[in-house]
């Protein structure tokens, strides 16, 4: 449990530092991730409506 909490904290710390040091790259990465999730949601909705 302790290692999971440390890993969780380290993940957010690294992500926050990346966003602070490279705001342009972080914005592009977030946009790409959200775009991928939107495509996945669209594909899932088309699959569900097909059946």
Protein backbone atom coordinates (compact mmCIF):
# COMPACT_ATOMS: atom_id res chain seq x y z
CA UNK A 1 0.00 0.00 0.00
CA UNK A 2 2.87 2.36 0.83
CA UNK A 3 4.54 1.74 -2.54
CA UNK A 4 1.27 2.39 -4.36
CA UNK A 5 0.87 5.72 -2.59
CA UNK A 6 4.48 6.66 -3.30
CA UNK A 7 4.03 5.70 -6.96
CA UNK A 8 0.83 7.73 -7.18
CA UNK A 9 2.51 10.78 -5.65
CA UNK A 10 5.56 10.38 -7.89
CA UNK A 11 3.36 10.12 -10.98
CA UNK A 12 1.55 13.38 -10.23
CA UNK A 13 4.79 15.10 -9.23
CA UNK A 14 6.49 14.17 -12.51
CA UNK A 15 3.38 15.09 -14.49
CA UNK A 16 3.15 18.47 -12.74
CA UNK A 17 6.83 19.23 -13.28
CA UNK A 18 6.53 18.29 -16.94
CA UNK A 19 3.56 20.63 -17.33
CA UNK A 20 5.44 23.46 -15.60
CA UNK A 21 8.66 23.01 -17.56
CA UNK A 22 7.12 22.30 -20.98
CA UNK A 23 3.64 23.87 -21.11
CA UNK A 24 3.42 23.71 -24.91
CA UNK A 25 4.28 20.02 -25.08
CA UNK A 26 1.97 19.28 -22.16
CA UNK A 27 -0.92 21.02 -23.91
CA UNK A 28 -0.30 19.02 -27.09
CA UNK A 29 -0.12 15.79 -25.10
CA UNK A 30 -3.38 16.51 -23.28
CA UNK A 31 -5.09 17.43 -26.54
CA UNK A 32 -3.87 14.19 -28.16
CA UNK A 33 -5.02 12.09 -25.21
CA UNK A 34 -8.46 13.72 -25.12
CA UNK A 35 -8.78 13.38 -28.89
CA UNK A 36 -7.96 9.69 -28.63
CA UNK A 37 -10.51 9.22 -25.87
CA UNK A 38 -13.13 11.03 -27.96
CA UNK A 39 -12.41 8.74 -30.92
CA UNK A 40 -12.65 5.71 -28.66
CA UNK A 41 -15.99 6.88 -27.26
CA UNK A 42 -17.29 7.51 -30.78
CA UNK A 43 -16.20 4.05 -31.93
CA UNK A 44 -17.79 2.45 -28.88
CA UNK A 45 -21.08 4.28 -29.45
CA UNK A 46 -21.13 3.19 -33.11
CA UNK A 47 -20.43 -0.39 -32.07
CA UNK A 48 -23.23 -0.36 -29.49
CA UNK A 49 -25.76 1.18 -31.88
CA UNK A 50 -24.90 -1.42 -34.54
CA UNK A 51 -26.31 -4.19 -32.36
